[in-house]
């Protein structure tokens, strides 16, 4: 969280299985903070189940990715989230 506060990234990608951290708690904390509540968050994990995806989306992740995915599709999704978040900031 200190790194996120210090850097104020345009997009956050979290591993669903961070050692020593609860990714869902991080997302909840971000969504409760005014300056980061609109920052896009992607939650990823190779061992995530459908229930984990639902919970991730409900706590505020913008996208949850399971297992493997095509790198170009991932880049396209990141660009889409960044475009959408930039549009929200302009309003």
PDB file of N, CA and C in Angstrom:
ATOM      1  N   UNK A   1       0.827  -1.195   0.000  1.00  0.00           N
ATOM      2  CA  UNK A   1       0.000   0.000   0.000  1.00  0.00           C
ATOM      3  C   UNK A   1       0.867   1.253   0.000  1.00  0.00           C
ATOM      4  N   UNK A   2       2.004   1.202   0.686  1.00  0.00           N
ATOM      5  CA  UNK A   2       2.886   2.368   0.694  1.00  0.00           C
ATOM      6  C   UNK A   2       3.382   2.687  -0.709  1.00  0.00           C
ATOM      7  N   UNK A   3       3.713   1.657  -1.464  1.00  0.00           N
ATOM      8  CA  UNK A   3       4.176   1.842  -2.839  1.00  0.00           C
ATOM      9  C   UNK A   3       3.065   2.454  -3.695  1.00  0.00           C
ATOM     10  N   UNK A   4       1.865   1.971  -3.536  1.00  0.00           N
ATOM     11  CA  UNK A   4       0.729   2.511  -4.296  1.00  0.00           C
ATOM     12  C   UNK A   4       0.505   3.976  -3.933  1.00  0.00           C
ATOM     13  N   UNK A   5       0.561   4.297  -2.641  1.00  0.00           N
ATOM     14  CA  UNK A   5       0.375   5.684  -2.220  1.00  0.00           C
ATOM     15  C   UNK A   5       1.483   6.586  -2.749  1.00  0.00           C
ATOM     16  N   UNK A   6       2.699   6.084  -2.749  1.00  0.00           N
ATOM     17  CA  UNK A   6       3.829   6.890  -3.194  1.00  0.00           C
ATOM     18  C   UNK A   6       3.883   7.094  -4.696  1.00  0.00           C
ATOM     19  N   UNK A   7       3.549   6.064  -5.445  1.00  0.00           N
ATOM     20  CA  UNK A   7       3.662   6.118  -6.906  1.00  0.00           C
ATOM     21  C   UNK A   7       2.388   6.600  -7.606  1.00  0.00           C
ATOM     22  N   UNK A   8       1.251   6.346  -6.994  1.00  0.00           N
ATOM     23  CA  UNK A   8      -0.053   6.674  -7.601  1.00  0.00           C
ATOM     24  C   UNK A   8      -0.137   6.174  -9.039  1.00  0.00           C
ATOM     25  N   UNK A   9      -0.132   4.858  -9.222  1.00  0.00           N
ATOM     26  CA  UNK A   9      -0.113   4.286 -10.574  1.00  0.00           C
ATOM     27  C   UNK A   9      -1.421   4.514 -11.325  1.00  0.00           C
ATOM     28  N   UNK A  10      -1.338   4.411 -12.648  1.00  0.00           N
ATOM     29  CA  UNK A  10      -2.521   4.540 -13.503  1.00  0.00           C
ATOM     30  C   UNK A  10      -3.319   3.252 -13.536  1.00  0.00           C
ATOM     31  N   UNK A  11      -2.673   2.144 -13.197  1.00  0.00           N
ATOM     32  CA  UNK A  11      -3.298   0.821 -13.231  1.00  0.00           C
ATOM     33  C   UNK A  11      -2.582  -0.052 -12.212  1.00  0.00           C
ATOM     34  N   UNK A  12      -3.337  -0.922 -11.541  1.00  0.00           N
ATOM     35  CA  UNK A  12      -2.751  -1.827 -10.554  1.00  0.00           C
ATOM     36  C   UNK A  12      -3.073  -3.261 -10.965  1.00  0.00           C
ATOM     37  N   UNK A  13      -2.032  -4.097 -10.997  1.00  0.00           N
ATOM     38  CA  UNK A  13      -2.204  -5.518 -11.277  1.00  0.00           C
ATOM     39  C   UNK A  13      -1.794  -6.269 -10.022  1.00  0.00           C
ATOM     40  N   UNK A  14      -2.729  -7.036  -9.462  1.00  0.00           N
ATOM     41  CA  UNK A  14      -2.475  -7.777  -8.227  1.00  0.00           C
ATOM     42  C   UNK A  14      -2.538  -9.274  -8.471  1.00  0.00           C
ATOM     43  N   UNK A  15      -1.623  -9.985  -7.877  1.00  0.00           N
ATOM     44  CA  UNK A  15      -1.675 -11.439  -7.869  1.00  0.00           C
ATOM     45  C   UNK A  15      -2.682 -11.834  -6.801  1.00  0.00           C
ATOM     46  N   UNK A  16      -3.562 -12.720  -7.127  1.00  0.00           N
ATOM     47  CA  UNK A  16      -4.577 -13.161  -6.174  1.00  0.00           C
ATOM     48  C   UNK A  16      -4.008 -13.928  -4.999  1.00  0.00           C
ATOM     49  N   UNK A  17      -2.744 -14.329  -5.104  1.00  0.00           N
ATOM     50  CA  UNK A  17      -2.124 -15.123  -4.050  1.00  0.00           C
ATOM     51  C   UNK A  17      -0.826 -14.493  -3.562  1.00  0.00           C
ATOM     52  N   UNK A  18      -0.875 -13.223  -3.241  1.00  0.00           N
ATOM     53  CA  UNK A  18       0.314 -12.542  -2.732  1.00  0.00           C
ATOM     54  C   UNK A  18       0.719 -13.134  -1.386  1.00  0.00           C
ATOM     55  N   UNK A  19       1.997 -13.480  -1.233  1.00  0.00           N
ATOM     56  CA  UNK A  19       2.427 -13.970   0.082  1.00  0.00           C
ATOM     57  C   UNK A  19       2.412 -12.819   1.092  1.00  0.00           C
ATOM     58  N   UNK A  20       1.903 -13.071   2.257  1.00  0.00           N
ATOM     59  CA  UNK A  20       1.859 -12.104   3.355  1.00  0.00           C
ATOM     60  C   UNK A  20       0.884 -10.944   3.142  1.00  0.00           C
ATOM     61  N   UNK A  21       0.094 -10.966   2.074  1.00  0.00           N
ATOM     62  CA  UNK A  21      -0.874  -9.898   1.820  1.00  0.00           C
ATOM     63  C   UNK A  21      -2.191 -10.501   1.356  1.00  0.00           C
ATOM     64  N   UNK A  22      -3.270  -9.834   1.642  1.00  0.00           N
ATOM     65  CA  UNK A  22      -4.584 -10.238   1.178  1.00  0.00           C
ATOM     66  C   UNK A  22      -4.971  -9.291   0.043  1.00  0.00           C
ATOM     67  N   UNK A  23      -4.979  -9.814  -1.172  1.00  0.00           N
ATOM     68  CA  UNK A  23      -5.278  -8.984  -2.349  1.00  0.00           C
ATOM     69  C   UNK A  23      -6.653  -8.341  -2.264  1.00  0.00           C
ATOM     70  N   UNK A  24      -7.616  -9.073  -1.744  1.00  0.00           N
ATOM     71  CA  UNK A  24      -8.969  -8.523  -1.628  1.00  0.00           C
ATOM     72  C   UNK A  24      -9.006  -7.364  -0.640  1.00  0.00           C
ATOM     73  N   UNK A  25      -8.247  -7.469   0.433  1.00  0.00           N
ATOM     74  CA  UNK A  25      -8.176  -6.373   1.405  1.00  0.00           C
ATOM     75  C   UNK A  25      -7.520  -5.146   0.782  1.00  0.00           C
ATOM     76  N   UNK A  26      -6.528  -5.364  -0.062  1.00  0.00           N
ATOM     77  CA  UNK A  26      -5.881  -4.248  -0.751  1.00  0.00           C
ATOM     78  C   UNK A  26      -6.881  -3.549  -1.666  1.00  0.00           C
ATOM     79  N   UNK A  27      -7.656  -4.325  -2.403  1.00  0.00           N
ATOM     80  CA  UNK A  27      -8.658  -3.735  -3.304  1.00  0.00           C
ATOM     81  C   UNK A  27      -9.699  -2.962  -2.502  1.00  0.00           C
ATOM     82  N   UNK A  28     -10.172  -3.544  -1.420  1.00  0.00           N
ATOM     83  CA  UNK A  28     -11.155  -2.846  -0.557  1.00  0.00           C
ATOM     84  C   UNK A  28     -10.587  -1.517  -0.063  1.00  0.00           C
ATOM     85  N   UNK A  29      -9.342  -1.545   0.374  1.00  0.00           N
ATOM     86  CA  UNK A  29      -8.719  -0.320   0.888  1.00  0.00           C
ATOM     87  C   UNK A  29      -8.602   0.723  -0.220  1.00  0.00           C
ATOM     88  N   UNK A  30      -8.216   0.300  -1.411  1.00  0.00           N
ATOM     89  CA  UNK A  30      -8.105   1.236  -2.530  1.00  0.00           C
ATOM     90  C   UNK A  30      -9.443   1.871  -2.862  1.00  0.00           C
ATOM     91  N   UNK A  31     -10.478   1.073  -2.875  1.00  0.00           N
ATOM     92  CA  UNK A  31     -11.800   1.582  -3.245  1.00  0.00           C
ATOM     93  C   UNK A  31     -12.376   2.508  -2.187  1.00  0.00           C
ATOM     94  N   UNK A  32     -11.839   2.448  -0.976  1.00  0.00           N
ATOM     95  CA  UNK A  32     -12.338   3.337   0.077  1.00  0.00           C
ATOM     96  C   UNK A  32     -11.592   4.670   0.104  1.00  0.00           C
ATOM     97  N   UNK A  33     -10.519   4.789  -0.689  1.00  0.00           N
ATOM     98  CA  UNK A  33      -9.727   6.013  -0.715  1.00  0.00           C
ATOM     99  C   UNK A  33     -10.119   6.867  -1.914  1.00  0.00           C
ATOM    100  N   UNK A  34     -10.334   8.130  -1.677  1.00  0.00           N
ATOM    101  CA  UNK A  34     -10.829   9.027  -2.714  1.00  0.00           C
ATOM    102  C   UNK A  34      -9.919   9.095  -3.936  1.00  0.00           C
ATOM    103  N   UNK A  35      -8.621   9.228  -3.744  1.00  0.00           N
ATOM    104  CA  UNK A  35      -7.737   9.417  -4.896  1.00  0.00           C
ATOM    105  C   UNK A  35      -7.501   8.138  -5.693  1.00  0.00           C
ATOM    106  N   UNK A  36      -7.760   6.968  -5.106  1.00  0.00           N
ATOM    107  CA  UNK A  36      -7.507   5.730  -5.840  1.00  0.00           C
ATOM    108  C   UNK A  36      -8.766   4.925  -6.114  1.00  0.00           C
ATOM    109  N   UNK A  37      -9.926   5.488  -5.804  1.00  0.00           N
ATOM    110  CA  UNK A  37     -11.143   4.712  -5.988  1.00  0.00           C
ATOM    111  C   UNK A  37     -11.485   4.456  -7.449  1.00  0.00           C
ATOM    112  N   UNK A  38     -10.909   5.215  -8.377  1.00  0.00           N
ATOM    113  CA  UNK A  38     -11.181   4.985  -9.795  1.00  0.00           C
ATOM    114  C   UNK A  38      -9.984   4.380 -10.534  1.00  0.00           C
ATOM    115  N   UNK A  39      -8.904   4.070  -9.830  1.00  0.00           N
ATOM    116  CA  UNK A  39      -7.747   3.441 -10.457  1.00  0.00           C
ATOM    117  C   UNK A  39      -8.118   2.019 -10.855  1.00  0.00           C
ATOM    118  N   UNK A  40      -7.941   1.663 -12.139  1.00  0.00           N
ATOM    119  CA  UNK A  40      -8.278   0.294 -12.553  1.00  0.00           C
ATOM    120  C   UNK A  40      -7.418  -0.743 -11.832  1.00  0.00           C
ATOM    121  N   UNK A  41      -8.062  -1.835 -11.429  1.00  0.00           N
ATOM    122  CA  UNK A  41      -7.374  -2.916 -10.741  1.00  0.00           C
ATOM    123  C   UNK A  41      -7.661  -4.231 -11.463  1.00  0.00           C
ATOM    124  N   UNK A  42      -6.589  -4.949 -11.789  1.00  0.00           N
ATOM    125  CA  UNK A  42      -6.700  -6.277 -12.383  1.00  0.00           C
ATOM    126  C   UNK A  42      -6.220  -7.281 -11.344  1.00  0.00           C
ATOM    127  N   UNK A  43      -7.042  -8.273 -11.072  1.00  0.00           N
ATOM    128  CA  UNK A  43      -6.695  -9.338 -10.137  1.00  0.00           C
ATOM    129  C   UNK A  43      -6.421 -10.591 -10.961  1.00  0.00           C
ATOM    130  N   UNK A  44      -5.256 -11.186 -10.774  1.00  0.00           N
ATOM    131  CA  UNK A  44      -4.860 -12.352 -11.554  1.00  0.00           C
ATOM    132  C   UNK A  44      -4.485 -13.500 -10.626  1.00  0.00           C
ATOM    133  N   UNK A  45      -4.647 -14.726 -11.115  1.00  0.00           N
ATOM    134  CA  UNK A  45      -4.206 -15.868 -10.333  1.00  0.00           C
ATOM    135  C   UNK A  45      -4.390 -17.169 -11.068  1.00  0.00           C
ATOM    136  N   UNK A  46      -3.394 -18.009 -10.983  1.00  0.00           N
ATOM    137  CA  UNK A  46      -3.471 -19.296 -11.670  1.00  0.00           C
ATOM    138  C   UNK A  46      -4.359 -20.282 -10.925  1.00  0.00           C
ATOM    139  N   UNK A  47      -4.557 -20.070  -9.634  1.00  0.00           N
ATOM    140  CA  UNK A  47      -5.383 -20.991  -8.843  1.00  0.00           C
ATOM    141  C   UNK A  47      -6.727 -20.392  -8.452  1.00  0.00           C
ATOM    142  N   UNK A  48      -7.102 -19.306  -9.103  1.00  0.00           N
ATOM    143  CA  UNK A  48      -8.388 -18.680  -8.779  1.00  0.00           C
ATOM    144  C   UNK A  48      -9.526 -19.539  -9.298  1.00  0.00           C
ATOM    145  N   UNK A  49     -10.588 -19.599  -8.504  1.00  0.00           N
ATOM    146  CA  UNK A  49     -11.807 -20.306  -8.911  1.00  0.00           C
ATOM    147  C   UNK A  49     -12.841 -19.268  -9.320  1.00  0.00           C
ATOM    148  N   UNK A  50     -13.924 -19.735  -9.869  1.00  0.00           N
ATOM    149  CA  UNK A  50     -15.005 -18.831 -10.286  1.00  0.00           C
ATOM    150  C   UNK A  50     -15.503 -18.009  -9.099  1.00  0.00           C
ATOM    151  N   UNK A  51     -15.556 -18.617  -7.916  1.00  0.00           N
ATOM    152  CA  UNK A  51     -15.996 -17.901  -6.722  1.00  0.00           C
ATOM    153  C   UNK A  51     -15.040 -16.752  -6.399  1.00  0.00           C
ATOM    154  N   UNK A  52     -13.738 -16.998  -6.609  1.00  0.00           N
ATOM    155  CA  UNK A  52     -12.741 -15.955  -6.366  1.00  0.00           C
ATOM    156  C   UNK A  52     -12.932 -14.784  -7.314  1.00  0.00           C
ATOM    157  N   UNK A  53     -13.288 -15.092  -8.562  1.00  0.00           N
ATOM    158  CA  UNK A  53     -13.551 -14.039  -9.554  1.00  0.00           C
ATOM    159  C   UNK A  53     -14.738 -13.206  -9.104  1.00  0.00           C
ATOM    160  N   UNK A  54     -15.807 -13.863  -8.689  1.00  0.00           N
ATOM    161  CA  UNK A  54     -16.997 -13.138  -8.227  1.00  0.00           C
ATOM    162  C   UNK A  54     -16.686 -12.244  -7.041  1.00  0.00           C
ATOM    163  N   UNK A  55     -15.965 -12.768  -6.083  1.00  0.00           N
ATOM    164  CA  UNK A  55     -15.612 -11.978  -4.900  1.00  0.00           C
ATOM    165  C   UNK A  55     -14.713 -10.812  -5.301  1.00  0.00           C
ATOM    166  N   UNK A  56     -13.727 -11.072  -6.162  1.00  0.00           N
ATOM    167  CA  UNK A  56     -12.829 -10.011  -6.622  1.00  0.00           C
ATOM    168  C   UNK A  56     -13.578  -8.878  -7.284  1.00  0.00           C
ATOM    169  N   UNK A  57     -14.519  -9.227  -8.149  1.00  0.00           N
ATOM    170  CA  UNK A  57     -15.315  -8.198  -8.827  1.00  0.00           C
ATOM    171  C   UNK A  57     -16.209  -7.455  -7.840  1.00  0.00           C
ATOM    172  N   UNK A  58     -16.753  -8.169  -6.876  1.00  0.00           N
ATOM    173  CA  UNK A  58     -17.639  -7.530  -5.898  1.00  0.00           C
ATOM    174  C   UNK A  58     -16.904  -6.567  -4.974  1.00  0.00           C
ATOM    175  N   UNK A  59     -15.639  -6.846  -4.657  1.00  0.00           N
ATOM    176  CA  UNK A  59     -14.909  -5.930  -3.783  1.00  0.00           C
ATOM    177  C   UNK A  59     -14.299  -4.761  -4.542  1.00  0.00           C
ATOM    178  N   UNK A  60     -14.331  -4.827  -5.896  1.00  0.00           N
ATOM    179  CA  UNK A  60     -13.886  -3.662  -6.648  1.00  0.00           C
ATOM    180  C   UNK A  60     -12.875  -3.872  -7.751  1.00  0.00           C
ATOM    181  N   UNK A  61     -12.460  -5.104  -8.012  1.00  0.00           N
ATOM    182  CA  UNK A  61     -11.557  -5.329  -9.142  1.00  0.00           C
ATOM    183  C   UNK A  61     -12.302  -5.019 -10.438  1.00  0.00           C
ATOM    184  N   UNK A  62     -11.607  -4.461 -11.406  1.00  0.00           N
ATOM    185  CA  UNK A  62     -12.220  -4.160 -12.696  1.00  0.00           C
ATOM    186  C   UNK A  62     -12.167  -5.359 -13.639  1.00  0.00           C
ATOM    187  N   UNK A  63     -11.196  -6.228 -13.391  1.00  0.00           N
ATOM    188  CA  UNK A  63     -11.011  -7.396 -14.243  1.00  0.00           C
ATOM    189  C   UNK A  63     -10.339  -8.473 -13.416  1.00  0.00           C
ATOM    190  N   UNK A  64     -10.807  -9.710 -13.558  1.00  0.00           N
ATOM    191  CA  UNK A  64     -10.186 -10.859 -12.903  1.00  0.00           C
ATOM    192  C   UNK A  64      -9.825 -11.862 -13.984  1.00  0.00           C
ATOM    193  N   UNK A  65      -8.582 -12.287 -13.986  1.00  0.00           N
ATOM    194  CA  UNK A  65      -8.101 -13.220 -15.003  1.00  0.00           C
ATOM    195  C   UNK A  65      -7.699 -14.535 -14.360  1.00  0.00           C
ATOM    196  N   UNK A  66      -8.217 -15.619 -14.933  1.00  0.00           N
ATOM    197  CA  UNK A  66      -7.899 -16.954 -14.463  1.00  0.00           C
ATOM    198  C   UNK A  66      -6.800 -17.568 -15.321  1.00  0.00           C
ATOM    199  N   UNK A  67      -6.001 -18.399 -14.702  1.00  0.00           N
ATOM    200  CA  UNK A  67      -5.010 -19.228 -15.384  1.00  0.00           C
ATOM    201  C   UNK A  67      -4.223 -18.490 -16.452  1.00  0.00           C
ATOM    202  N   UNK A  68      -4.125 -19.096 -17.615  1.00  0.00           N
ATOM    203  CA  UNK A  68      -3.335 -18.505 -18.690  1.00  0.00           C
ATOM    204  C   UNK A  68      -4.215 -17.682 -19.617  1.00  0.00           C
ATOM    205  N   UNK A  69      -3.605 -16.763 -20.299  1.00  0.00           N
ATOM    206  CA  UNK A  69      -4.319 -15.907 -21.230  1.00  0.00           C
ATOM    207  C   UNK A  69      -3.339 -15.477 -22.306  1.00  0.00           C
ATOM    208  N   UNK A  70      -3.850 -15.022 -23.411  1.00  0.00           N
ATOM    209  CA  UNK A  70      -3.014 -14.587 -24.527  1.00  0.00           C
ATOM    210  C   UNK A  70      -2.459 -13.197 -24.210  1.00  0.00           C
ATOM    211  N   UNK A  71      -1.142 -13.004 -24.320  1.00  0.00           N
ATOM    212  CA  UNK A  71      -0.538 -11.715 -23.963  1.00  0.00           C
ATOM    213  C   UNK A  71      -1.127 -10.522 -24.721  1.00  0.00           C
ATOM    214  N   UNK A  72      -1.443 -10.680 -25.994  1.00  0.00           N
ATOM    215  CA  UNK A  72      -2.009  -9.560 -26.753  1.00  0.00           C
ATOM    216  C   UNK A  72      -3.406  -9.203 -26.264  1.00  0.00           C
ATOM    217  N   UNK A  73      -4.166 -10.202 -25.845  1.00  0.00           N
ATOM    218  CA  UNK A  73      -5.497  -9.938 -25.285  1.00  0.00           C
ATOM    219  C   UNK A  73      -5.345  -9.200 -23.959  1.00  0.00           C
ATOM    220  N   UNK A  74      -4.374  -9.593 -23.158  1.00  0.00           N
ATOM    221  CA  UNK A  74      -4.113  -8.907 -21.893  1.00  0.00           C
ATOM    222  C   UNK A  74      -3.768  -7.443 -22.131  1.00  0.00           C
ATOM    223  N   UNK A  75      -2.877  -7.169 -23.083  1.00  0.00           N
ATOM    224  CA  UNK A  75      -2.483  -5.790 -23.393  1.00  0.00           C
ATOM    225  C   UNK A  75      -3.696  -4.989 -23.868  1.00  0.00           C
ATOM    226  N   UNK A  76      -4.540  -5.590 -24.699  1.00  0.00           N
ATOM    227  CA  UNK A  76      -5.752  -4.907 -25.182  1.00  0.00           C
ATOM    228  C   UNK A  76      -6.680  -4.574 -24.015  1.00  0.00           C
ATOM    229  N   UNK A  77      -6.810  -5.486 -23.063  1.00  0.00           N
ATOM    230  CA  UNK A  77      -7.667  -5.232 -21.901  1.00  0.00           C
ATOM    231  C   UNK A  77      -7.105  -4.115 -21.033  1.00  0.00           C
ATOM    232  N   UNK A  78      -5.786  -4.117 -20.851  1.00  0.00           N
ATOM    233  CA  UNK A  78      -5.145  -3.045 -20.073  1.00  0.00           C
ATOM    234  C   UNK A  78      -5.382  -1.702 -20.750  1.00  0.00           C
ATOM    235  N   UNK A  79      -5.177  -1.636 -22.047  1.00  0.00           N
ATOM    236  CA  UNK A  79      -5.405  -0.378 -22.774  1.00  0.00           C
ATOM    237  C   UNK A  79      -6.845   0.077 -22.642  1.00  0.00           C
ATOM    238  N   UNK A  80      -7.774  -0.843 -22.703  1.00  0.00           N
ATOM    239  CA  UNK A  80      -9.194  -0.510 -22.568  1.00  0.00           C
ATOM    240  C   UNK A  80      -9.483   0.075 -21.184  1.00  0.00           C
ATOM    241  N   UNK A  81      -8.953  -0.552 -20.133  1.00  0.00           N
ATOM    242  CA  UNK A  81      -9.162  -0.029 -18.783  1.00  0.00           C
ATOM    243  C   UNK A  81      -8.543   1.345 -18.613  1.00  0.00           C
ATOM    244  N   UNK A  82      -7.362   1.549 -19.187  1.00  0.00           N
ATOM    245  CA  UNK A  82      -6.708   2.859 -19.077  1.00  0.00           C
ATOM    246  C   UNK A  82      -7.493   3.931 -19.826  1.00  0.00           C
ATOM    247  N   UNK A  83      -8.009   3.599 -21.000  1.00  0.00           N
ATOM    248  CA  UNK A  83      -8.837   4.568 -21.749  1.00  0.00           C
ATOM    249  C   UNK A  83     -10.060   4.954 -20.931  1.00  0.00           C
ATOM    250  N   UNK A  84     -10.710   3.961 -20.360  1.00  0.00           N
ATOM    251  CA  UNK A  84     -11.919   4.214 -19.584  1.00  0.00           C
ATOM    252  C   UNK A  84     -11.605   5.057 -18.352  1.00  0.00           C
ATOM    253  N   UNK A  85     -10.510   4.757 -17.664  1.00  0.00           N
ATOM    254  CA  UNK A  85     -10.186   5.527 -16.466  1.00  0.00           C
ATOM    255  C   UNK A  85      -9.775   6.953 -16.813  1.00  0.00           C
ATOM    256  N   UNK A  86      -9.117   7.163 -17.934  1.00  0.00           N
ATOM    257  CA  UNK A  86      -8.768   8.516 -18.359  1.00  0.00           C
ATOM    258  C   UNK A  86     -10.020   9.309 -18.702  1.00  0.00           C
ATOM    259  N   UNK A  87     -11.005   8.659 -19.316  1.00  0.00           N
ATOM    260  CA  UNK A  87     -12.265   9.335 -19.641  1.00  0.00           C
ATOM    261  C   UNK A  87     -12.973   9.762 -18.356  1.00  0.00           C
ATOM    262  N   UNK A  88     -12.944   8.924 -17.329  1.00  0.00           N
ATOM    263  CA  UNK A  88     -13.582   9.268 -16.058  1.00  0.00           C
ATOM    264  C   UNK A  88     -12.892  10.436 -15.382  1.00  0.00           C
ATOM    265  N   UNK A  89     -11.570  10.521 -15.501  1.00  0.00           N
ATOM    266  CA  UNK A  89     -10.827  11.605 -14.862  1.00  0.00           C
ATOM    267  C   UNK A  89     -11.093  12.943 -15.538  1.00  0.00           C
ATOM    268  N   UNK A  90     -11.356  12.927 -16.839  1.00  0.00           N
ATOM    269  CA  UNK A  90     -11.602  14.161 -17.590  1.00  0.00           C
ATOM    270  C   UNK A  90     -12.957  14.749 -17.213  1.00  0.00           C
ATOM    271  N   UNK A  91     -13.924  13.912 -16.913  1.00  0.00           N
ATOM    272  CA  UNK A  91     -15.282  14.377 -16.594  1.00  0.00           C
ATOM    273  C   UNK A  91     -15.275  15.165 -15.367  1.00  0.00           C
TER     274      UNK A  91
END
